[in-house]
C-alpha atoms as a PDB file:
ATOM      1  CA  MET A   1      -3.701  22.424  11.411  1.00  0.00           C
ATOM      2  CA  GLN A   2      -5.742  21.394  14.399  1.00  0.00           C
ATOM      3  CA  GLY A   3      -3.349  19.665  16.773  1.00  0.00           C
ATOM      4  CA  GLN A   4       0.285  19.316  17.579  1.00  0.00           C
ATOM      5  CA  VAL A   5       2.174  16.319  18.945  1.00  0.00           C
ATOM      6  CA  THR A   6       5.738  16.136  20.178  1.00  0.00           C
ATOM      7  CA  VAL A   7       7.451  12.772  19.775  1.00  0.00           C
ATOM      8  CA  ARG A   8      10.876  11.587  20.902  1.00  0.00           C
ATOM      9  CA  LEU A   9      12.529   9.290  18.375  1.00  0.00           C
ATOM     10  CA  PRO A  10      15.342   6.792  18.858  1.00  0.00           C
ATOM     11  CA  ALA A  11      18.537   7.836  17.071  1.00  0.00           C
ATOM     12  CA  ASP A  12      18.180   5.278  14.265  1.00  0.00           C
ATOM     13  CA  LEU A  13      14.617   6.330  13.490  1.00  0.00           C
ATOM     14  CA  SER A  14      15.586   9.990  13.594  1.00  0.00           C
ATOM     15  CA  ARG A  15      18.404   9.360  11.088  1.00  0.00           C
ATOM     16  CA  ALA A  16      16.069   7.409   8.807  1.00  0.00           C
ATOM     17  CA  LEU A  17      13.537  10.245   8.934  1.00  0.00           C
ATOM     18  CA  LYS A  18      16.195  12.834   8.053  1.00  0.00           C
ATOM     19  CA  LEU A  19      17.409  10.713   5.128  1.00  0.00           C
ATOM     20  CA  ALA A  20      13.865  10.250   3.859  1.00  0.00           C
ATOM     21  CA  SER A  21      13.256  13.974   4.220  1.00  0.00           C
ATOM     22  CA  ARG A  22      16.258  14.778   2.045  1.00  0.00           C
ATOM     23  CA  ARG A  23      15.509  12.047  -0.476  1.00  0.00           C
ATOM     24  CA  MET A  24      11.850  13.036  -0.847  1.00  0.00           C
ATOM     25  CA  GLN A  25      12.580  16.769  -0.571  1.00  0.00           C
ATOM     26  CA  ARG A  26       9.825  17.136   2.024  1.00  0.00           C
ATOM     27  CA  ARG A  27       9.755  18.345   5.600  1.00  0.00           C
ATOM     28  CA  SER A  28      10.087  15.704   8.303  1.00  0.00           C
ATOM     29  CA  SER A  29       6.671  16.683   9.647  1.00  0.00           C
ATOM     30  CA  ASP A  30       5.110  15.962   6.224  1.00  0.00           C
ATOM     31  CA  ILE A  31       6.639  12.486   6.193  1.00  0.00           C
ATOM     32  CA  VAL A  32       5.460  11.782   9.741  1.00  0.00           C
ATOM     33  CA  ARG A  33       1.922  12.865   8.795  1.00  0.00           C
ATOM     34  CA  LEU A  34       1.977  10.621   5.717  1.00  0.00           C
ATOM     35  CA  ALA A  35       3.240   7.643   7.718  1.00  0.00           C
ATOM     36  CA  LEU A  36       0.733   8.198  10.508  1.00  0.00           C
ATOM     37  CA  ARG A  37      -2.151   8.550   8.067  1.00  0.00           C
ATOM     38  CA  GLN A  38      -1.139   5.316   6.308  1.00  0.00           C
ATOM     39  CA  PHE A  39      -0.769   3.472   9.621  1.00  0.00           C
ATOM     40  CA  LEU A  40      -4.159   4.609  10.885  1.00  0.00           C
ATOM     41  CA  GLU A  41      -5.893   3.735   7.606  1.00  0.00           C
ATOM     42  CA  THR A  42      -4.478   0.195   7.577  1.00  0.00           C
ATOM     43  CA  PRO A  43      -7.299  -2.319   8.078  1.00  0.00           C
ATOM     44  CA  ALA A  44      -7.546  -4.001  11.434  1.00  0.00           C
ATOM     45  CA  PRO A  45      -6.110  -7.517  11.724  1.00  0.00           C
ATOM     46  CA  GLY A  46      -8.730 -10.125  10.939  1.00  0.00           C
ATOM     47  CA  THR A  47     -10.378  -8.003   8.240  1.00  0.00           C
ATOM     48  CA  ARG A  48     -11.278 -10.223   5.318  1.00  0.00           C
ATOM     49  CA  ALA A  49      -9.153  -9.755   2.207  1.00  0.00           C
ATOM     50  CA  ALA A  50     -12.289  -9.375   0.094  1.00  0.00           C
ATOM     51  CA  ASP A  51     -13.431  -6.490   2.311  1.00  0.00           C
ATOM     52  CA  ARG A  52     -10.063  -4.739   1.849  1.00  0.00           C
ATOM     53  CA  VAL A  53     -10.236  -4.871  -1.954  1.00  0.00           C
ATOM     54  CA  LYS A  54     -13.962  -4.629  -2.581  1.00  0.00           C
ATOM     55  CA  GLY A  55     -13.513  -1.207  -4.161  1.00  0.00           C
ATOM     56  CA  LEU A  56     -11.188  -2.768  -6.746  1.00  0.00           C
ATOM     57  CA  ILE A  57     -13.334  -5.751  -7.684  1.00  0.00           C
ATOM     58  CA  GLY A  58     -14.576  -5.317 -11.212  1.00  0.00           C
ATOM     59  CA  SER A  59     -12.608  -2.124 -11.751  1.00  0.00           C
ATOM     60  CA  LEU A  60     -10.111  -3.559 -14.246  1.00  0.00           C
ATOM     61  CA  GLU A  61     -10.734  -4.787 -17.747  1.00  0.00           C
ATOM     62  CA  SER A  62      -8.586  -7.767 -18.747  1.00  0.00           C
ATOM     63  CA  GLY A  63      -9.996  -8.186 -22.224  1.00  0.00           C
ATOM     64  CA  VAL A  64     -10.636 -11.855 -21.424  1.00  0.00           C
ATOM     65  CA  PRO A  65     -14.383 -12.463 -21.088  1.00  0.00           C
ATOM     66  CA  ASP A  66     -14.152 -15.746 -19.110  1.00  0.00           C
ATOM     67  CA  LEU A  67     -11.078 -15.012 -16.976  1.00  0.00           C
ATOM     68  CA  ALA A  68     -12.829 -15.762 -13.692  1.00  0.00           C
ATOM     69  CA  GLU A  69     -14.159 -19.085 -14.963  1.00  0.00           C
ATOM     70  CA  LYS A  70     -10.956 -20.290 -16.617  1.00  0.00           C
ATOM     71  CA  HIS A  71      -8.311 -18.551 -14.531  1.00  0.00           C
ATOM     72  CA  ARG A  72      -6.323 -21.745 -13.941  1.00  0.00           C
ATOM     73  CA  ALA A  73      -6.044 -22.444 -17.672  1.00  0.00           C
ATOM     74  CA  TYR A  74      -4.892 -18.880 -18.361  1.00  0.00           C
ATOM     75  CA  ILE A  75      -2.266 -19.035 -15.611  1.00  0.00           C
ATOM     76  CA  LEU A  76      -0.904 -22.368 -16.860  1.00  0.00           C
ATOM     77  CA  GLU A  77      -0.770 -21.077 -20.431  1.00  0.00           C
ATOM     78  CA  SER A  78       1.048 -17.964 -19.254  1.00  0.00           C
ATOM     79  CA  LEU A  79       3.597 -20.084 -17.372  1.00  0.00           C
ATOM     80  CA  ARG A  80       4.174 -22.254 -20.458  1.00  0.00           C
ATOM     81  CA  ARG A  81       4.919 -19.127 -22.493  1.00  0.00           C
ATOM     82  CA  GLY A  82       7.334 -17.882 -19.818  1.00  0.00           C
ATOM     83  CA  ARG A  83       5.469 -14.708 -18.858  1.00  0.00           C
END
């Protein structure tokens, strides 16, 4: 570990952290690191949705060759079938 930070938490947040620690069977410091990492990696407001998911585009195979062209028809058909 490189650095250390001391943080004072309100009582409700401290209780929630303790509960999460027990539930996840992890140390409180591990949970704080996970939460902080996730918060800091969250895209800045105003980032385009396409930029946030560009790594996912084209990564899934639907088995439907013209899904992008006929997506509306597939959605309507799916709704008719109750899926």
